[in-house]
């Protein structure tokens, strides 16, 4: 069984267990959904076929929206908009009560699920909430977030027309510290990643932008430093993914040349999305 299938399966089972805890006893499953789940496409997630006689446990009976979620690692998958929105709402509800990392659940003020348009072609992925994000329950609202908002606006979008999420949905706890943040551990990222994978598979963006080294590590694993990777395209779950600096880096290093590097990355993103680019946009952060 592939790792991506296992992660989505675990996320689905968590969702169903959450429904059970809330008293839900029955989930409607259409004949079309059952047919889709038994199709070769649905079975292709497994590296080796299971015996035909193996019964499915009750937790693997999916609602229509969640069956779409599970099968959506194929880029061609399509969704009924109502099912897509319902599945995202269900996913959010489950994330908001998640207790998988007891230390993070005990120390957080809010779960920071994600914000923006779930039908957007452009998705930004950061590392983890900071103090401001934890307080407000929304990603990228501190100083780095304000800079990201300006970058998005300069690209011709708004925060409402893109989607912004993090690898980790809870702020990493900092016991004994009164200020500051820490990097998520590999285990924390691995535990939380199914939520982000489900978000990506539901949104089906045309382009993903990873912000900073931790976001790259969370999606692709340990690799060369972000200084070497920045400006490169990778592919994640079939989606072209641009690797760039975290906005916090630009707050620490405000040189024109570093701003231009990030902006060149964003110009590549706009080109990949097929957006028109004005001469003014092309010339941002170039020396006079």
Protein backbone atom coordinates (compact mmCIF):
# COMPACT_ATOMS: atom_id res chain seq x y z
CA UNK A 1 0.00 0.00 0.00
CA UNK A 2 1.46 3.38 -1.01
CA UNK A 3 2.28 5.98 1.65
CA UNK A 4 -0.08 8.55 0.12
CA UNK A 5 -2.98 6.09 0.10
CA UNK A 6 -2.24 5.10 3.70
CA UNK A 7 -2.19 8.75 4.81
CA UNK A 8 -5.52 9.49 3.13
CA UNK A 9 -7.02 6.30 4.50
CA UNK A 10 -5.96 7.24 8.03
CA UNK A 11 -7.42 10.73 7.60
CA UNK A 12 -10.71 9.25 6.38
CA UNK A 13 -10.89 6.80 9.27
CA UNK A 14 -10.25 9.66 11.71
CA UNK A 15 -13.12 11.57 10.14
CA UNK A 16 -15.50 8.63 10.44
CA UNK A 17 -14.48 8.05 14.04
CA UNK A 18 -15.19 11.72 14.72
CA UNK A 19 -18.67 11.37 13.21
CA UNK A 20 -19.29 8.32 15.39
CA UNK A 21 -18.28 10.27 18.51
CA UNK A 22 -20.80 12.97 17.55
CA UNK A 23 -23.57 10.38 17.37
CA UNK A 24 -23.75 9.88 13.61
CA UNK A 25 -24.85 6.30 12.96
CA UNK A 26 -25.50 6.21 9.21
CA UNK A 27 -23.69 7.70 6.19
CA UNK A 28 -25.44 7.70 2.82
CA UNK A 29 -23.37 6.05 0.10
CA UNK A 30 -24.57 6.19 -3.48
CA UNK A 31 -24.25 3.29 -5.89
CA UNK A 32 -21.99 5.49 -8.02
CA UNK A 33 -19.63 5.97 -5.06
CA UNK A 34 -19.45 2.25 -4.39
CA UNK A 35 -18.73 1.61 -8.04
CA UNK A 36 -15.96 4.22 -7.99
CA UNK A 37 -14.38 2.67 -4.91
CA UNK A 38 -14.19 -0.73 -6.58
CA UNK A 39 -12.86 0.62 -9.86
CA UNK A 40 -9.28 -0.05 -11.03
CA UNK A 41 -8.44 3.62 -10.40
CA UNK A 42 -9.42 3.34 -6.75
CA UNK A 43 -7.46 0.12 -6.36
CA UNK A 44 -4.36 1.53 -8.07
CA UNK A 45 -3.23 3.15 -4.82
CA UNK A 46 -2.14 -0.26 -3.57
CA UNK A 47 1.18 -1.63 -4.74
CA UNK A 48 -0.20 -5.16 -4.52
CA UNK A 49 -3.85 -6.16 -4.92
CA UNK A 50 -5.66 -7.38 -1.83
CA UNK A 51 -7.46 -10.72 -2.04
CA UNK A 52 -10.97 -10.27 -3.40
CA UNK A 53 -12.43 -12.01 -0.37
CA UNK A 54 -10.94 -9.54 2.15
CA UNK A 55 -13.90 -7.77 3.79
CA UNK A 56 -13.86 -4.00 4.26
CA UNK A 57 -14.09 -2.92 7.91
CA UNK A 58 -17.00 -0.59 8.72
CA UNK A 59 -14.67 2.42 9.03
CA UNK A 60 -13.82 2.13 5.32
CA UNK A 61 -17.38 2.81 4.11
CA UNK A 62 -17.05 6.33 2.77
CA UNK A 63 -19.55 9.12 2.33
CA UNK A 64 -19.68 10.46 -1.28
CA UNK A 65 -17.58 13.56 -0.48
CA UNK A 66 -14.91 11.55 1.31
CA UNK A 67 -14.73 8.94 -1.42
CA UNK A 68 -13.91 11.80 -3.77
CA UNK A 69 -11.24 12.93 -1.32
CA UNK A 70 -9.63 9.49 -1.24
CA UNK A 71 -9.61 9.00 -5.00
CA UNK A 72 -8.54 12.54 -5.81
CA UNK A 73 -4.79 11.96 -5.94
CA UNK A 74 -5.33 11.59 -9.68
CA UNK A 75 -5.20 15.11 -11.18
CA UNK A 76 -8.18 14.37 -13.44
CA UNK A 77 -10.57 13.78 -10.53
CA UNK A 78 -13.51 16.17 -10.45
CA UNK A 79 -15.90 17.14 -7.67
CA UNK A 80 -19.45 18.21 -7.25
CA UNK A 81 -18.95 21.67 -5.71
CA UNK A 82 -21.37 20.96 -2.89
CA UNK A 83 -19.59 17.72 -2.04
CA UNK A 84 -16.22 19.49 -2.19
CA UNK A 85 -17.32 22.20 0.21
CA UNK A 86 -18.95 19.68 2.54
CA UNK A 87 -15.82 17.52 2.55
CA UNK A 88 -13.64 20.54 3.37
CA UNK A 89 -16.01 21.56 6.16
CA UNK A 90 -15.87 18.03 7.57
CA UNK A 91 -12.08 18.03 7.34
CA UNK A 92 -11.91 21.38 9.12
CA UNK A 93 -14.26 20.21 11.88
CA UNK A 94 -12.07 17.18 12.49
CA UNK A 95 -8.87 19.22 12.53
CA UNK A 96 -10.32 21.67 15.05
CA UNK A 97 -10.71 18.92 17.64
CA UNK A 98 -7.57 16.94 16.78
CA UNK A 99 -5.66 15.58 19.79
CA UNK A 100 -3.02 13.53 17.96
CA UNK A 101 -0.17 15.65 19.36
CA UNK A 102 -1.14 16.01 23.05
CA UNK A 103 1.53 18.62 23.78
CA UNK A 104 0.38 20.83 20.90
CA UNK A 105 -3.29 20.36 21.68
CA UNK A 106 -2.67 21.36 25.31
CA UNK A 107 -0.70 24.50 24.49
CA UNK A 108 -2.57 25.86 21.45
CA UNK A 109 -5.16 28.63 21.56
CA UNK A 110 -6.56 27.81 18.13
CA UNK A 111 -6.13 25.26 15.39
CA UNK A 112 -4.98 27.12 12.27
CA UNK A 113 -6.66 25.14 9.51
CA UNK A 114 -6.31 27.31 6.42
CA UNK A 115 -7.93 30.27 4.74
CA UNK A 116 -9.00 31.39 1.29
CA UNK A 117 -10.82 30.05 -1.75
CA UNK A 118 -11.01 26.24 -1.85
CA UNK A 119 -11.64 26.51 -5.61
CA UNK A 120 -8.47 28.54 -6.21
CA UNK A 121 -5.81 27.62 -8.76
CA UNK A 122 -3.05 28.89 -6.44
CA UNK A 123 -2.13 27.51 -3.03
CA UNK A 124 0.59 28.70 -0.62
CA UNK A 125 2.02 26.30 1.98
CA UNK A 126 3.99 27.51 4.99
CA UNK A 127 5.48 25.68 7.94
CA UNK A 128 3.51 26.24 11.17
CA UNK A 129 1.51 28.92 12.99
CA UNK A 130 3.31 31.48 15.12
CA UNK A 131 1.96 33.35 18.13
CA UNK A 132 -0.18 35.76 16.06
CA UNK A 133 -1.64 32.93 14.00
CA UNK A 134 -2.33 30.85 17.10
CA UNK A 135 -4.16 33.79 18.67
CA UNK A 136 -6.31 34.52 15.61
CA UNK A 137 -6.74 31.02 14.20
CA UNK A 138 -5.65 32.12 10.72
CA UNK A 139 -2.36 31.45 8.88
CA UNK A 140 0.07 34.24 8.01
CA UNK A 141 -1.37 37.19 9.93
CA UNK A 142 1.79 38.38 11.69
CA UNK A 143 4.50 40.53 10.11
CA UNK A 144 5.57 37.76 7.73
CA UNK A 145 1.92 37.20 6.84
CA UNK A 146 1.40 40.87 6.11
CA UNK A 147 4.34 40.71 3.71
CA UNK A 148 2.88 37.59 2.07
CA UNK A 149 -0.41 39.45 1.64
CA UNK A 150 1.43 42.27 -0.17
CA UNK A 151 3.18 39.75 -2.42
CA UNK A 152 -0.16 38.13 -3.26
CA UNK A 153 -1.69 41.52 -4.02
CA UNK A 154 1.26 42.52 -6.21
CA UNK A 155 0.69 39.32 -8.18
CA UNK A 156 -2.85 40.53 -8.85
CA UNK A 157 -4.69 38.34 -6.34
CA UNK A 158 -6.10 38.79 -2.85
CA UNK A 159 -5.99 36.51 0.18
CA UNK A 160 -9.61 35.64 -0.58
CA UNK A 161 -8.79 34.38 -4.07
CA UNK A 162 -5.89 32.06 -3.16
CA UNK A 163 -5.63 29.38 -0.48
CA UNK A 164 -3.10 29.55 2.36
CA UNK A 165 -2.26 26.66 4.68
CA UNK A 166 0.59 25.24 6.74
CA UNK A 167 2.29 21.89 7.15
CA UNK A 168 1.33 22.00 10.85
CA UNK A 169 -2.10 23.14 12.01
CA UNK A 170 -1.06 23.91 15.61
CA UNK A 171 1.65 26.22 16.89
CA UNK A 172 4.66 24.20 18.07
CA UNK A 173 4.76 24.46 21.84
CA UNK A 174 7.68 26.29 23.46
CA UNK A 175 7.78 25.16 27.10
CA UNK A 176 9.86 27.44 29.30
CA UNK A 177 9.86 30.22 26.69
CA UNK A 178 7.83 33.40 26.92
CA UNK A 179 8.42 34.33 23.27
CA UNK A 180 9.70 32.93 20.01
CA UNK A 181 8.82 29.96 17.83
CA UNK A 182 10.40 26.62 17.09
CA UNK A 183 10.55 24.43 14.02
CA UNK A 184 8.09 21.52 13.91
CA UNK A 185 9.65 18.13 14.51
CA UNK A 186 9.61 15.52 11.72
CA UNK A 187 7.18 13.43 13.76
CA UNK A 188 4.81 16.38 14.24
CA UNK A 189 4.88 17.11 10.50
CA UNK A 190 4.26 13.46 9.66
CA UNK A 191 1.32 13.28 12.08
CA UNK A 192 -0.33 16.45 10.76
CA UNK A 193 0.44 15.99 7.05
CA UNK A 194 -2.75 14.01 6.19
CA UNK A 195 -4.80 17.15 6.81
CA UNK A 196 -2.74 19.12 4.30
CA UNK A 197 -2.77 16.28 1.78
CA UNK A 198 -6.55 16.17 1.99
CA UNK A 199 -6.71 19.95 1.52
CA UNK A 200 -4.52 19.75 -1.57
CA UNK A 201 -6.51 16.87 -3.03
CA UNK A 202 -9.80 18.69 -2.46
CA UNK A 203 -8.64 22.10 -3.72
CA UNK A 204 -6.74 20.64 -6.69
CA UNK A 205 -4.67 23.79 -7.27
CA UNK A 206 -2.86 24.31 -10.55
CA UNK A 207 0.22 25.60 -8.70
CA UNK A 208 1.54 25.22 -5.14
CA UNK A 209 4.09 27.63 -3.65
CA UNK A 210 6.09 26.36 -0.68
CA UNK A 211 7.34 29.08 1.66
CA UNK A 212 10.64 28.26 3.30
CA UNK A 213 12.79 25.23 4.01
CA UNK A 214 10.43 23.62 6.54
CA UNK A 215 7.53 23.62 4.08
CA UNK A 216 9.79 21.96 1.50
CA UNK A 217 10.89 19.37 4.06
CA UNK A 218 7.31 18.70 5.09
CA UNK A 219 6.25 17.91 1.52
CA UNK A 220 9.40 16.44 -0.02
CA UNK A 221 11.53 15.31 2.92
CA UNK A 222 15.04 16.37 3.87
CA UNK A 223 16.91 17.90 0.96
CA UNK A 224 19.41 20.59 0.07
CA UNK A 225 19.00 23.96 1.76
CA UNK A 226 16.39 26.41 0.53
CA UNK A 227 19.14 28.70 -0.80
CA UNK A 228 19.98 26.01 -3.37
CA UNK A 229 16.39 24.96 -4.01
CA UNK A 230 14.75 28.38 -4.26
CA UNK A 231 13.35 29.17 -7.69
CA UNK A 232 13.07 25.52 -8.72
CA UNK A 233 9.97 23.67 -9.82
CA UNK A 234 9.09 20.34 -8.28
CA UNK A 235 5.94 18.25 -8.59
CA UNK A 236 3.84 17.28 -5.58
CA UNK A 237 0.89 14.94 -6.08
CA UNK A 238 0.86 15.92 -9.73
CA UNK A 239 0.84 19.67 -9.00
CA UNK A 240 3.69 21.97 -10.19
CA UNK A 241 5.27 23.34 -7.02
CA UNK A 242 7.50 26.41 -6.78
CA UNK A 243 10.02 26.46 -3.94
CA UNK A 244 10.80 29.90 -2.54
CA UNK A 245 11.87 31.73 0.60
CA UNK A 246 9.60 32.27 3.57
CA UNK A 247 8.46 35.91 3.89
CA UNK A 248 10.14 36.01 7.30
CA UNK A 249 13.48 35.67 5.49
CA UNK A 250 12.76 38.89 3.58
CA UNK A 251 12.03 40.64 6.86
CA UNK A 252 15.48 39.66 8.09
CA UNK A 253 17.21 40.38 4.79
CA UNK A 254 15.62 43.36 3.08
CA UNK A 255 18.14 43.70 0.28
CA UNK A 256 16.70 44.49 -3.14
CA UNK A 257 18.44 41.48 -4.66
CA UNK A 258 16.73 39.01 -2.28
CA UNK A 259 13.33 40.62 -2.85
CA UNK A 260 13.92 40.32 -6.59
CA UNK A 261 14.70 36.59 -6.25
CA UNK A 262 11.36 35.91 -4.59
CA UNK A 263 9.58 38.13 -7.08
CA UNK A 264 11.17 36.23 -9.99
CA UNK A 265 9.75 33.06 -8.43
CA UNK A 266 6.31 34.67 -8.36
CA UNK A 267 6.65 35.73 -11.99
CA UNK A 268 7.28 32.09 -12.85
CA UNK A 269 4.13 31.18 -10.92
CA UNK A 270 2.09 33.73 -12.84
CA UNK A 271 3.44 32.38 -16.12
CA UNK A 272 2.61 28.81 -15.09
CA UNK A 273 -0.95 29.92 -14.27
CA UNK A 274 -1.25 31.63 -17.66
CA UNK A 275 -1.75 35.07 -16.13
CA UNK A 276 -0.92 38.22 -18.05
CA UNK A 277 2.06 40.08 -16.59
CA UNK A 278 2.41 43.84 -16.94
CA UNK A 279 5.69 45.57 -17.66
CA UNK A 280 5.43 47.19 -14.24
CA UNK A 281 5.20 43.79 -12.58
CA UNK A 282 8.18 42.48 -14.53
CA UNK A 283 10.32 45.39 -13.36
CA UNK A 284 9.62 45.25 -9.62
CA UNK A 285 12.77 45.26 -7.44
CA UNK A 286 15.15 45.86 -10.32
CA UNK A 287 17.80 48.51 -9.84
CA UNK A 288 17.02 51.80 -11.53
